[in-house]
Amino acid sequence: MLFLVAVIVGIVLLVRWAVRSGGGAAPVHREDAIEILRRRYAAGEISKEEFDQKKRDITGT
């Protein structure tokens, strides 16, 4: 009986350790709209006018 309790406690501790140590998948980096817009402008995909208009659309200013 004592052996069974020790095994269960060991499993619980192992699971808690795995969760705390980040045993899951790596977090996904999500770019927000402004970052994407800046990257597209820097790469020359959009003009200054398009950048300014889209930035106003996104920020509401």
PDB file of N, CA and C in Angstrom:
ATOM      1  N   MET A   1       0.832  -1.188   0.000  1.00  0.00           N
ATOM      2  CA  MET A   1       0.000   0.000   0.000  1.00  0.00           C
ATOM      3  C   MET A   1       0.886   1.265   0.000  1.00  0.00           C
ATOM      4  N   LEU A   2       1.885   1.263   0.839  1.00  0.00           N
ATOM      5  CA  LEU A   2       2.790   2.409   0.916  1.00  0.00           C
ATOM      6  C   LEU A   2       3.543   2.598  -0.403  1.00  0.00           C
ATOM      7  N   PHE A   3       3.902   1.498  -1.038  1.00  0.00           N
ATOM      8  CA  PHE A   3       4.582   1.564  -2.332  1.00  0.00           C
ATOM      9  C   PHE A   3       3.693   2.220  -3.381  1.00  0.00           C
ATOM     10  N   LEU A   4       2.421   1.879  -3.404  1.00  0.00           N
ATOM     11  CA  LEU A   4       1.472   2.445  -4.360  1.00  0.00           C
ATOM     12  C   LEU A   4       1.327   3.956  -4.152  1.00  0.00           C
ATOM     13  N   VAL A   5       1.257   4.401  -2.913  1.00  0.00           N
ATOM     14  CA  VAL A   5       1.165   5.833  -2.605  1.00  0.00           C
ATOM     15  C   VAL A   5       2.433   6.540  -3.064  1.00  0.00           C
ATOM     16  N   ALA A   6       3.581   5.938  -2.849  1.00  0.00           N
ATOM     17  CA  ALA A   6       4.846   6.541  -3.273  1.00  0.00           C
ATOM     18  C   ALA A   6       4.908   6.674  -4.789  1.00  0.00           C
ATOM     19  N   VAL A   7       4.413   5.690  -5.531  1.00  0.00           N
ATOM     20  CA  VAL A   7       4.401   5.743  -6.989  1.00  0.00           C
ATOM     21  C   VAL A   7       3.482   6.869  -7.463  1.00  0.00           C
ATOM     22  N   ILE A   8       2.310   6.996  -6.869  1.00  0.00           N
ATOM     23  CA  ILE A   8       1.360   8.048  -7.262  1.00  0.00           C
ATOM     24  C   ILE A   8       1.936   9.424  -6.968  1.00  0.00           C
ATOM     25  N   VAL A   9       2.530   9.593  -5.804  1.00  0.00           N
ATOM     26  CA  VAL A   9       3.151  10.877  -5.458  1.00  0.00           C
ATOM     27  C   VAL A   9       4.284  11.186  -6.435  1.00  0.00           C
ATOM     28  N   GLY A  10       5.068  10.187  -6.791  1.00  0.00           N
ATOM     29  CA  GLY A  10       6.155  10.380  -7.753  1.00  0.00           C
ATOM     30  C   GLY A  10       5.644  10.821  -9.113  1.00  0.00           C
ATOM     31  N   ILE A  11       4.555  10.218  -9.564  1.00  0.00           N
ATOM     32  CA  ILE A  11       3.975  10.599 -10.852  1.00  0.00           C
ATOM     33  C   ILE A  11       3.465  12.031 -10.809  1.00  0.00           C
ATOM     34  N   VAL A  12       2.782  12.393  -9.729  1.00  0.00           N
ATOM     35  CA  VAL A  12       2.271  13.764  -9.583  1.00  0.00           C
ATOM     36  C   VAL A  12       3.421  14.763  -9.601  1.00  0.00           C
ATOM     37  N   LEU A  13       4.477  14.487  -8.865  1.00  0.00           N
ATOM     38  CA  LEU A  13       5.628  15.394  -8.841  1.00  0.00           C
ATOM     39  C   LEU A  13       6.294  15.488 -10.209  1.00  0.00           C
ATOM     40  N   LEU A  14       6.369  14.389 -10.915  1.00  0.00           N
ATOM     41  CA  LEU A  14       6.967  14.387 -12.249  1.00  0.00           C
ATOM     42  C   LEU A  14       6.149  15.234 -13.222  1.00  0.00           C
ATOM     43  N   VAL A  15       4.844  15.104 -13.163  1.00  0.00           N
ATOM     44  CA  VAL A  15       3.969  15.902 -14.036  1.00  0.00           C
ATOM     45  C   VAL A  15       4.084  17.381 -13.695  1.00  0.00           C
ATOM     46  N   ARG A  16       4.082  17.721 -12.419  1.00  0.00           N
ATOM     47  CA  ARG A  16       4.221  19.138 -12.016  1.00  0.00           C
ATOM     48  C   ARG A  16       5.550  19.707 -12.488  1.00  0.00           C
ATOM     49  N   TRP A  17       6.620  18.934 -12.368  1.00  0.00           N
ATOM     50  CA  TRP A  17       7.931  19.399 -12.826  1.00  0.00           C
ATOM     51  C   TRP A  17       7.927  19.627 -14.337  1.00  0.00           C
ATOM     52  N   ALA A  18       7.317  18.713 -15.095  1.00  0.00           N
ATOM     53  CA  ALA A  18       7.281  18.830 -16.555  1.00  0.00           C
ATOM     54  C   ALA A  18       6.508  20.069 -16.982  1.00  0.00           C
ATOM     55  N   VAL A  19       5.422  20.367 -16.289  1.00  0.00           N
ATOM     56  CA  VAL A  19       4.619  21.542 -16.637  1.00  0.00           C
ATOM     57  C   VAL A  19       5.392  22.817 -16.331  1.00  0.00           C
ATOM     58  N   ARG A  20       6.036  22.863 -15.203  1.00  0.00           N
ATOM     59  CA  ARG A  20       6.795  24.069 -14.812  1.00  0.00           C
ATOM     60  C   ARG A  20       8.007  24.313 -15.696  1.00  0.00           C
ATOM     61  N   SER A  21       8.625  23.259 -16.187  1.00  0.00           N
ATOM     62  CA  SER A  21       9.843  23.427 -16.979  1.00  0.00           C
ATOM     63  C   SER A  21       9.548  23.724 -18.435  1.00  0.00           C
ATOM     64  N   GLY A  22       8.286  23.936 -18.769  1.00  0.00           N
ATOM     65  CA  GLY A  22       7.942  24.284 -20.144  1.00  0.00           C
ATOM     66  C   GLY A  22       7.982  23.100 -21.070  1.00  0.00           C
ATOM     67  N   GLY A  23       7.418  22.013 -20.679  1.00  0.00           N
ATOM     68  CA  GLY A  23       7.415  20.809 -21.480  1.00  0.00           C
ATOM     69  C   GLY A  23       6.562  20.920 -22.731  1.00  0.00           C
ATOM     70  N   GLY A  24       5.831  22.016 -22.896  1.00  0.00           N
ATOM     71  CA  GLY A  24       4.967  22.172 -24.058  1.00  0.00           C
ATOM     72  C   GLY A  24       5.702  22.718 -25.259  1.00  0.00           C
ATOM     73  N   ALA A  25       4.948  23.054 -26.269  1.00  0.00           N
ATOM     74  CA  ALA A  25       5.518  23.606 -27.499  1.00  0.00           C
ATOM     75  C   ALA A  25       6.006  25.036 -27.261  1.00  0.00           C
ATOM     76  N   ALA A  26       6.937  25.453 -28.079  1.00  0.00           N
ATOM     77  CA  ALA A  26       7.459  26.807 -27.988  1.00  0.00           C
ATOM     78  C   ALA A  26       6.370  27.811 -28.355  1.00  0.00           C
ATOM     79  N   PRO A  27       6.336  28.962 -27.684  1.00  0.00           N
ATOM     80  CA  PRO A  27       5.312  29.947 -28.012  1.00  0.00           C
ATOM     81  C   PRO A  27       5.490  30.479 -29.429  1.00  0.00           C
ATOM     82  N   VAL A  28       4.396  30.770 -30.063  1.00  0.00           N
ATOM     83  CA  VAL A  28       4.399  31.285 -31.424  1.00  0.00           C
ATOM     84  C   VAL A  28       4.475  32.797 -31.364  1.00  0.00           C
ATOM     85  N   HIS A  29       5.422  33.386 -32.110  1.00  0.00           N
ATOM     86  CA  HIS A  29       5.530  34.834 -32.163  1.00  0.00           C
ATOM     87  C   HIS A  29       4.507  35.361 -33.148  1.00  0.00           C
ATOM     88  N   ARG A  30       3.635  36.232 -32.659  1.00  0.00           N
ATOM     89  CA  ARG A  30       2.626  36.821 -33.533  1.00  0.00           C
ATOM     90  C   ARG A  30       2.957  38.291 -33.723  1.00  0.00           C
ATOM     91  N   GLU A  31       3.066  38.693 -34.962  1.00  0.00           N
ATOM     92  CA  GLU A  31       3.316  40.089 -35.264  1.00  0.00           C
ATOM     93  C   GLU A  31       2.003  40.856 -35.197  1.00  0.00           C
ATOM     94  N   ASP A  32       2.053  42.048 -34.630  1.00  0.00           N
ATOM     95  CA  ASP A  32       0.845  42.854 -34.686  1.00  0.00           C
ATOM     96  C   ASP A  32       0.823  43.613 -36.011  1.00  0.00           C
ATOM     97  N   ALA A  33      -0.298  44.251 -36.302  1.00  0.00           N
ATOM     98  CA  ALA A  33      -0.510  44.880 -37.607  1.00  0.00           C
ATOM     99  C   ALA A  33       0.532  45.960 -37.903  1.00  0.00           C
ATOM    100  N   ILE A  34       0.903  46.752 -36.918  1.00  0.00           N
ATOM    101  CA  ILE A  34       1.888  47.821 -37.138  1.00  0.00           C
ATOM    102  C   ILE A  34       3.248  47.229 -37.492  1.00  0.00           C
ATOM    103  N   GLU A  35       3.649  46.151 -36.809  1.00  0.00           N
ATOM    104  CA  GLU A  35       4.932  45.516 -37.128  1.00  0.00           C
ATOM    105  C   GLU A  35       4.945  45.008 -38.564  1.00  0.00           C
ATOM    106  N   ILE A  36       3.855  44.387 -38.992  1.00  0.00           N
ATOM    107  CA  ILE A  36       3.764  43.883 -40.366  1.00  0.00           C
ATOM    108  C   ILE A  36       3.824  45.041 -41.345  1.00  0.00           C
ATOM    109  N   LEU A  37       3.110  46.113 -41.041  1.00  0.00           N
ATOM    110  CA  LEU A  37       3.094  47.286 -41.910  1.00  0.00           C
ATOM    111  C   LEU A  37       4.493  47.886 -42.037  1.00  0.00           C
ATOM    112  N   ARG A  38       5.190  48.020 -40.928  1.00  0.00           N
ATOM    113  CA  ARG A  38       6.559  48.569 -40.957  1.00  0.00           C
ATOM    114  C   ARG A  38       7.493  47.673 -41.763  1.00  0.00           C
ATOM    115  N   ARG A  39       7.351  46.366 -41.585  1.00  0.00           N
ATOM    116  CA  ARG A  39       8.201  45.435 -42.329  1.00  0.00           C
ATOM    117  C   ARG A  39       7.936  45.536 -43.828  1.00  0.00           C
ATOM    118  N   ARG A  40       6.668  45.627 -44.213  1.00  0.00           N
ATOM    119  CA  ARG A  40       6.328  45.738 -45.640  1.00  0.00           C
ATOM    120  C   ARG A  40       6.859  47.045 -46.225  1.00  0.00           C
ATOM    121  N   TYR A  41       6.774  48.129 -45.451  1.00  0.00           N
ATOM    122  CA  TYR A  41       7.281  49.421 -45.928  1.00  0.00           C
ATOM    123  C   TYR A  41       8.810  49.357 -46.066  1.00  0.00           C
ATOM    124  N   ALA A  42       9.472  48.784 -45.082  1.00  0.00           N
ATOM    125  CA  ALA A  42      10.932  48.685 -45.122  1.00  0.00           C
ATOM    126  C   ALA A  42      11.399  47.809 -46.283  1.00  0.00           C
ATOM    127  N   ALA A  43      10.623  46.810 -46.633  1.00  0.00           N
ATOM    128  CA  ALA A  43      10.989  45.922 -47.738  1.00  0.00           C
ATOM    129  C   ALA A  43      10.641  46.521 -49.094  1.00  0.00           C
ATOM    130  N   GLY A  44       9.961  47.679 -49.096  1.00  0.00           N
ATOM    131  CA  GLY A  44       9.609  48.326 -50.349  1.00  0.00           C
ATOM    132  C   GLY A  44       8.351  47.765 -50.987  1.00  0.00           C
ATOM    133  N   GLU A  45       7.584  46.999 -50.232  1.00  0.00           N
ATOM    134  CA  GLU A  45       6.359  46.416 -50.780  1.00  0.00           C
ATOM    135  C   GLU A  45       5.238  47.438 -50.921  1.00  0.00           C
ATOM    136  N   ILE A  46       5.272  48.479 -50.071  1.00  0.00           N
ATOM    137  CA  ILE A  46       4.248  49.532 -50.138  1.00  0.00           C
ATOM    138  C   ILE A  46       4.934  50.891 -50.130  1.00  0.00           C
ATOM    139  N   SER A  47       4.244  51.887 -50.678  1.00  0.00           N
ATOM    140  CA  SER A  47       4.803  53.241 -50.740  1.00  0.00           C
ATOM    141  C   SER A  47       4.575  53.968 -49.414  1.00  0.00           C
ATOM    142  N   LYS A  48       5.196  55.141 -49.296  1.00  0.00           N
ATOM    143  CA  LYS A  48       5.034  55.979 -48.107  1.00  0.00           C
ATOM    144  C   LYS A  48       3.568  56.369 -47.935  1.00  0.00           C
ATOM    145  N   GLU A  49       2.900  56.697 -49.027  1.00  0.00           N
ATOM    146  CA  GLU A  49       1.494  57.089 -48.960  1.00  0.00           C
ATOM    147  C   GLU A  49       0.623  55.923 -48.475  1.00  0.00           C
ATOM    148  N   GLU A  50       0.890  54.730 -49.030  1.00  0.00           N
ATOM    149  CA  GLU A  50       0.144  53.550 -48.584  1.00  0.00           C
ATOM    150  C   GLU A  50       0.412  53.268 -47.106  1.00  0.00           C
ATOM    151  N   PHE A  51       1.677  53.391 -46.711  1.00  0.00           N
ATOM    152  CA  PHE A  51       2.042  53.175 -45.315  1.00  0.00           C
ATOM    153  C   PHE A  51       1.271  54.120 -44.407  1.00  0.00           C
ATOM    154  N   ASP A  52       1.293  55.422 -44.747  1.00  0.00           N
ATOM    155  CA  ASP A  52       0.605  56.411 -43.921  1.00  0.00           C
ATOM    156  C   ASP A  52      -0.896  56.149 -43.843  1.00  0.00           C
ATOM    157  N   GLN A  53      -1.506  55.826 -44.977  1.00  0.00           N
ATOM    158  CA  GLN A  53      -2.952  55.568 -44.986  1.00  0.00           C
ATOM    159  C   GLN A  53      -3.300  54.323 -44.167  1.00  0.00           C
ATOM    160  N   LYS A  54      -2.553  53.269 -44.353  1.00  0.00           N
ATOM    161  CA  LYS A  54      -2.833  52.024 -43.630  1.00  0.00           C
ATOM    162  C   LYS A  54      -2.583  52.211 -42.128  1.00  0.00           C
ATOM    163  N   LYS A  55      -1.558  52.986 -41.781  1.00  0.00           N
ATOM    164  CA  LYS A  55      -1.284  53.255 -40.373  1.00  0.00           C
ATOM    165  C   LYS A  55      -2.440  54.020 -39.751  1.00  0.00           C
ATOM    166  N   ARG A  56      -2.978  55.011 -40.478  1.00  0.00           N
ATOM    167  CA  ARG A  56      -4.144  55.749 -39.966  1.00  0.00           C
ATOM    168  C   ARG A  56      -5.349  54.816 -39.822  1.00  0.00           C
ATOM    169  N   ASP A  57      -5.520  53.915 -40.774  1.00  0.00           N
ATOM    170  CA  ASP A  57      -6.631  52.962 -40.689  1.00  0.00           C
ATOM    171  C   ASP A  57      -6.508  52.063 -39.463  1.00  0.00           C
ATOM    172  N   ILE A  58      -5.292  51.621 -39.187  1.00  0.00           N
ATOM    173  CA  ILE A  58      -5.060  50.712 -38.069  1.00  0.00           C
ATOM    174  C   ILE A  58      -5.214  51.414 -36.716  1.00  0.00           C
ATOM    175  N   THR A  59      -4.575  52.584 -36.613  1.00  0.00           N
ATOM    176  CA  THR A  59      -4.558  53.262 -35.315  1.00  0.00           C
ATOM    177  C   THR A  59      -5.779  54.132 -35.080  1.00  0.00           C
ATOM    178  N   GLY A  60      -6.487  54.480 -36.153  1.00  0.00           N
ATOM    179  CA  GLY A  60      -7.678  55.312 -35.995  1.00  0.00           C
ATOM    180  C   GLY A  60      -7.354  56.789 -35.831  1.00  0.00           C
ATOM    181  N   THR A  61      -6.127  57.186 -36.155  1.00  0.00           N
ATOM    182  CA  THR A  61      -5.763  58.613 -36.047  1.00  0.00           C
ATOM    183  C   THR A  61      -5.441  59.186 -37.394  1.00  0.00           C
TER     184      THR A  61
END
